[in-house]
Amino acid sequence: LYVGNISFDSTEEDMIQLFSSVGECGSVTLVRDEQGRNRGFAFVVMRTKEDGDAAIEKLNGMEWNGRTIAVRESNN
């Protein structure tokens, strides 16, 4: 899944906790710049298609850490 508009203060652990609340989260890759700062988007792998669909349904448009996050299927 692609997750956009993430707070720059969010961590991989924060995201694992959030996505685990709707299904089994496999991994989180928070995209960072050359200095290691969070760039505001990430890729999340859920264990099943059903868990991924549930994450999109429940978390897309949700306010989290002061930002309205976007959750959708990744293009890659």
N, C-alpha and C. Protein backbone atom coordinates (compact mmCIF):
# COMPACT_ATOMS: atom_id res chain seq x y z
N LEU A 1 0.83 -1.18 0.00
CA LEU A 1 0.00 0.00 0.00
C LEU A 1 0.88 1.24 0.00
N TYR A 2 0.42 2.28 -0.67
CA TYR A 2 1.05 3.59 -0.60
C TYR A 2 0.33 4.36 0.50
N VAL A 3 1.10 5.03 1.36
CA VAL A 3 0.52 5.86 2.42
C VAL A 3 1.15 7.24 2.30
N GLY A 4 0.34 8.24 2.05
CA GLY A 4 0.84 9.59 1.87
C GLY A 4 0.32 10.56 2.92
N ASN A 5 0.95 11.73 2.93
CA ASN A 5 0.62 12.82 3.85
C ASN A 5 0.85 12.43 5.31
N ILE A 6 1.92 11.67 5.53
CA ILE A 6 2.29 11.23 6.88
C ILE A 6 3.00 12.37 7.60
N SER A 7 2.74 12.52 8.87
CA SER A 7 3.45 13.50 9.69
C SER A 7 4.95 13.21 9.65
N PHE A 8 5.75 14.25 9.56
CA PHE A 8 7.20 14.08 9.52
C PHE A 8 7.76 13.53 10.83
N ASP A 9 6.96 13.55 11.89
CA ASP A 9 7.38 13.01 13.19
C ASP A 9 7.07 11.52 13.33
N SER A 10 6.34 10.95 12.39
CA SER A 10 5.94 9.54 12.48
C SER A 10 7.14 8.62 12.23
N THR A 11 7.09 7.44 12.87
CA THR A 11 8.15 6.44 12.72
C THR A 11 7.55 5.16 12.14
N GLU A 12 8.43 4.25 11.73
CA GLU A 12 7.99 2.95 11.26
C GLU A 12 7.18 2.24 12.34
N GLU A 13 7.64 2.33 13.58
CA GLU A 13 6.94 1.67 14.69
C GLU A 13 5.53 2.23 14.87
N ASP A 14 5.38 3.55 14.73
CA ASP A 14 4.05 4.17 14.81
C ASP A 14 3.13 3.60 13.72
N MET A 15 3.68 3.47 12.53
CA MET A 15 2.87 2.99 11.41
C MET A 15 2.51 1.51 11.55
N ILE A 16 3.45 0.71 12.04
CA ILE A 16 3.15 -0.70 12.28
C ILE A 16 2.01 -0.82 13.28
N GLN A 17 2.06 -0.02 14.33
CA GLN A 17 1.00 -0.05 15.34
C GLN A 17 -0.35 0.34 14.71
N LEU A 18 -0.36 1.39 13.89
CA LEU A 18 -1.60 1.84 13.26
C LEU A 18 -2.16 0.76 12.33
N PHE A 19 -1.34 0.24 11.44
CA PHE A 19 -1.83 -0.73 10.46
C PHE A 19 -2.15 -2.08 11.09
N SER A 20 -1.48 -2.42 12.18
CA SER A 20 -1.79 -3.67 12.89
C SER A 20 -3.15 -3.60 13.56
N SER A 21 -3.70 -2.39 13.74
CA SER A 21 -5.01 -2.25 14.35
C SER A 21 -6.12 -2.72 13.41
N VAL A 22 -5.82 -2.86 12.10
CA VAL A 22 -6.85 -3.29 11.15
C VAL A 22 -6.55 -4.64 10.51
N GLY A 23 -5.35 -5.18 10.73
CA GLY A 23 -4.99 -6.46 10.14
C GLY A 23 -3.53 -6.77 10.43
N GLU A 24 -3.05 -7.85 9.85
CA GLU A 24 -1.67 -8.25 10.10
C GLU A 24 -0.73 -7.49 9.17
N CYS A 25 0.11 -6.65 9.76
CA CYS A 25 1.04 -5.81 9.01
C CYS A 25 2.34 -6.57 8.81
N GLY A 26 2.77 -6.69 7.55
CA GLY A 26 4.00 -7.40 7.24
C GLY A 26 5.23 -6.53 7.39
N SER A 27 5.22 -5.35 6.76
CA SER A 27 6.37 -4.46 6.84
C SER A 27 5.97 -3.03 6.50
N VAL A 28 6.82 -2.10 6.94
CA VAL A 28 6.64 -0.68 6.65
C VAL A 28 7.98 -0.13 6.17
N THR A 29 7.95 0.57 5.04
CA THR A 29 9.13 1.27 4.54
C THR A 29 8.80 2.75 4.49
N LEU A 30 9.35 3.50 5.42
CA LEU A 30 9.14 4.94 5.47
C LEU A 30 10.22 5.58 4.61
N VAL A 31 9.83 6.31 3.58
CA VAL A 31 10.78 6.89 2.63
C VAL A 31 11.45 8.09 3.29
N ARG A 32 12.79 8.11 3.20
CA ARG A 32 13.58 9.15 3.85
C ARG A 32 14.47 9.86 2.83
N ASP A 33 14.86 11.10 3.16
CA ASP A 33 15.78 11.84 2.30
C ASP A 33 17.22 11.48 2.64
N GLU A 34 18.17 12.16 1.99
CA GLU A 34 19.59 11.85 2.18
C GLU A 34 20.06 12.06 3.62
N GLN A 35 19.40 12.94 4.35
CA GLN A 35 19.75 13.20 5.75
C GLN A 35 19.01 12.28 6.72
N GLY A 36 18.19 11.38 6.19
CA GLY A 36 17.47 10.44 7.02
C GLY A 36 16.13 10.94 7.53
N ARG A 37 15.69 12.09 7.04
CA ARG A 37 14.39 12.64 7.48
C ARG A 37 13.26 12.00 6.70
N ASN A 38 12.19 11.73 7.41
CA ASN A 38 10.95 11.21 6.83
C ASN A 38 10.45 12.18 5.75
N ARG A 39 10.15 11.66 4.55
CA ARG A 39 9.68 12.50 3.44
C ARG A 39 8.16 12.61 3.38
N GLY A 40 7.44 12.00 4.32
CA GLY A 40 5.99 12.17 4.36
C GLY A 40 5.19 11.10 3.64
N PHE A 41 5.87 10.04 3.18
CA PHE A 41 5.12 8.93 2.60
C PHE A 41 5.84 7.62 2.86
N ALA A 42 5.07 6.53 2.71
CA ALA A 42 5.62 5.21 3.04
C ALA A 42 4.92 4.15 2.21
N PHE A 43 5.49 2.96 2.26
CA PHE A 43 4.88 1.78 1.66
C PHE A 43 4.68 0.75 2.76
N VAL A 44 3.47 0.20 2.81
CA VAL A 44 3.11 -0.76 3.83
C VAL A 44 2.68 -2.06 3.16
N VAL A 45 3.18 -3.18 3.65
CA VAL A 45 2.78 -4.49 3.15
C VAL A 45 1.91 -5.14 4.22
N MET A 46 0.69 -5.46 3.83
CA MET A 46 -0.21 -6.21 4.72
C MET A 46 -0.10 -7.68 4.32
N ARG A 47 -0.35 -8.59 5.25
CA ARG A 47 -0.15 -10.02 5.00
C ARG A 47 -1.13 -10.62 4.00
N THR A 48 -2.35 -10.08 3.94
CA THR A 48 -3.34 -10.61 3.00
C THR A 48 -4.01 -9.47 2.25
N LYS A 49 -4.58 -9.81 1.11
CA LYS A 49 -5.33 -8.82 0.33
C LYS A 49 -6.49 -8.27 1.15
N GLU A 50 -7.14 -9.14 1.93
CA GLU A 50 -8.26 -8.70 2.77
C GLU A 50 -7.81 -7.67 3.80
N ASP A 51 -6.64 -7.90 4.41
CA ASP A 51 -6.11 -6.93 5.38
C ASP A 51 -5.76 -5.62 4.69
N GLY A 52 -5.23 -5.70 3.48
CA GLY A 52 -4.93 -4.50 2.71
C GLY A 52 -6.18 -3.72 2.37
N ASP A 53 -7.21 -4.43 1.94
CA ASP A 53 -8.49 -3.78 1.63
C ASP A 53 -9.08 -3.12 2.87
N ALA A 54 -8.98 -3.81 4.02
CA ALA A 54 -9.50 -3.26 5.28
C ALA A 54 -8.72 -2.00 5.66
N ALA A 55 -7.41 -2.00 5.45
CA ALA A 55 -6.59 -0.82 5.78
C ALA A 55 -7.01 0.37 4.92
N ILE A 56 -7.22 0.13 3.62
CA ILE A 56 -7.65 1.21 2.74
C ILE A 56 -9.00 1.75 3.20
N GLU A 57 -9.93 0.84 3.46
CA GLU A 57 -11.29 1.25 3.85
C GLU A 57 -11.30 2.02 5.16
N LYS A 58 -10.55 1.55 6.16
CA LYS A 58 -10.62 2.13 7.50
C LYS A 58 -9.68 3.30 7.72
N LEU A 59 -8.54 3.34 7.02
CA LEU A 59 -7.53 4.35 7.33
C LEU A 59 -7.43 5.48 6.31
N ASN A 60 -7.87 5.26 5.06
CA ASN A 60 -7.79 6.33 4.07
C ASN A 60 -8.67 7.50 4.50
N GLY A 61 -8.08 8.69 4.53
CA GLY A 61 -8.82 9.89 4.93
C GLY A 61 -8.87 10.11 6.43
N MET A 62 -8.24 9.22 7.18
CA MET A 62 -8.24 9.33 8.65
C MET A 62 -7.24 10.38 9.10
N GLU A 63 -7.58 11.13 10.14
CA GLU A 63 -6.61 12.05 10.73
C GLU A 63 -5.72 11.25 11.68
N TRP A 64 -4.41 11.35 11.47
CA TRP A 64 -3.43 10.60 12.27
C TRP A 64 -2.20 11.47 12.46
N ASN A 65 -1.82 11.68 13.70
CA ASN A 65 -0.67 12.54 14.05
C ASN A 65 -0.80 13.93 13.43
N GLY A 66 -2.02 14.45 13.41
CA GLY A 66 -2.25 15.81 12.94
C GLY A 66 -2.36 15.98 11.43
N ARG A 67 -2.35 14.87 10.67
CA ARG A 67 -2.44 14.93 9.21
C ARG A 67 -3.54 13.98 8.73
N THR A 68 -4.17 14.32 7.61
CA THR A 68 -5.15 13.43 7.00
C THR A 68 -4.40 12.54 6.02
N ILE A 69 -4.26 11.26 6.37
CA ILE A 69 -3.45 10.37 5.56
C ILE A 69 -4.22 9.79 4.38
N ALA A 70 -3.49 9.48 3.32
CA ALA A 70 -4.04 8.83 2.13
C ALA A 70 -3.50 7.41 2.10
N VAL A 71 -4.39 6.43 1.96
CA VAL A 71 -3.99 5.03 1.89
C VAL A 71 -4.63 4.43 0.64
N ARG A 72 -3.79 3.89 -0.25
CA ARG A 72 -4.31 3.30 -1.47
C ARG A 72 -3.35 2.22 -1.96
N GLU A 73 -3.80 1.47 -2.96
CA GLU A 73 -2.92 0.46 -3.53
C GLU A 73 -1.73 1.17 -4.17
N SER A 74 -0.56 0.56 -4.03
CA SER A 74 0.65 1.10 -4.61
C SER A 74 0.67 0.87 -6.11
N ASN A 75 1.27 1.78 -6.84
CA ASN A 75 1.38 1.63 -8.30
C ASN A 75 2.47 0.67 -8.74
N ASN A 76 3.36 0.30 -7.81
CA ASN A 76 4.49 -0.55 -8.23
C ASN A 76 4.36 -1.98 -7.82
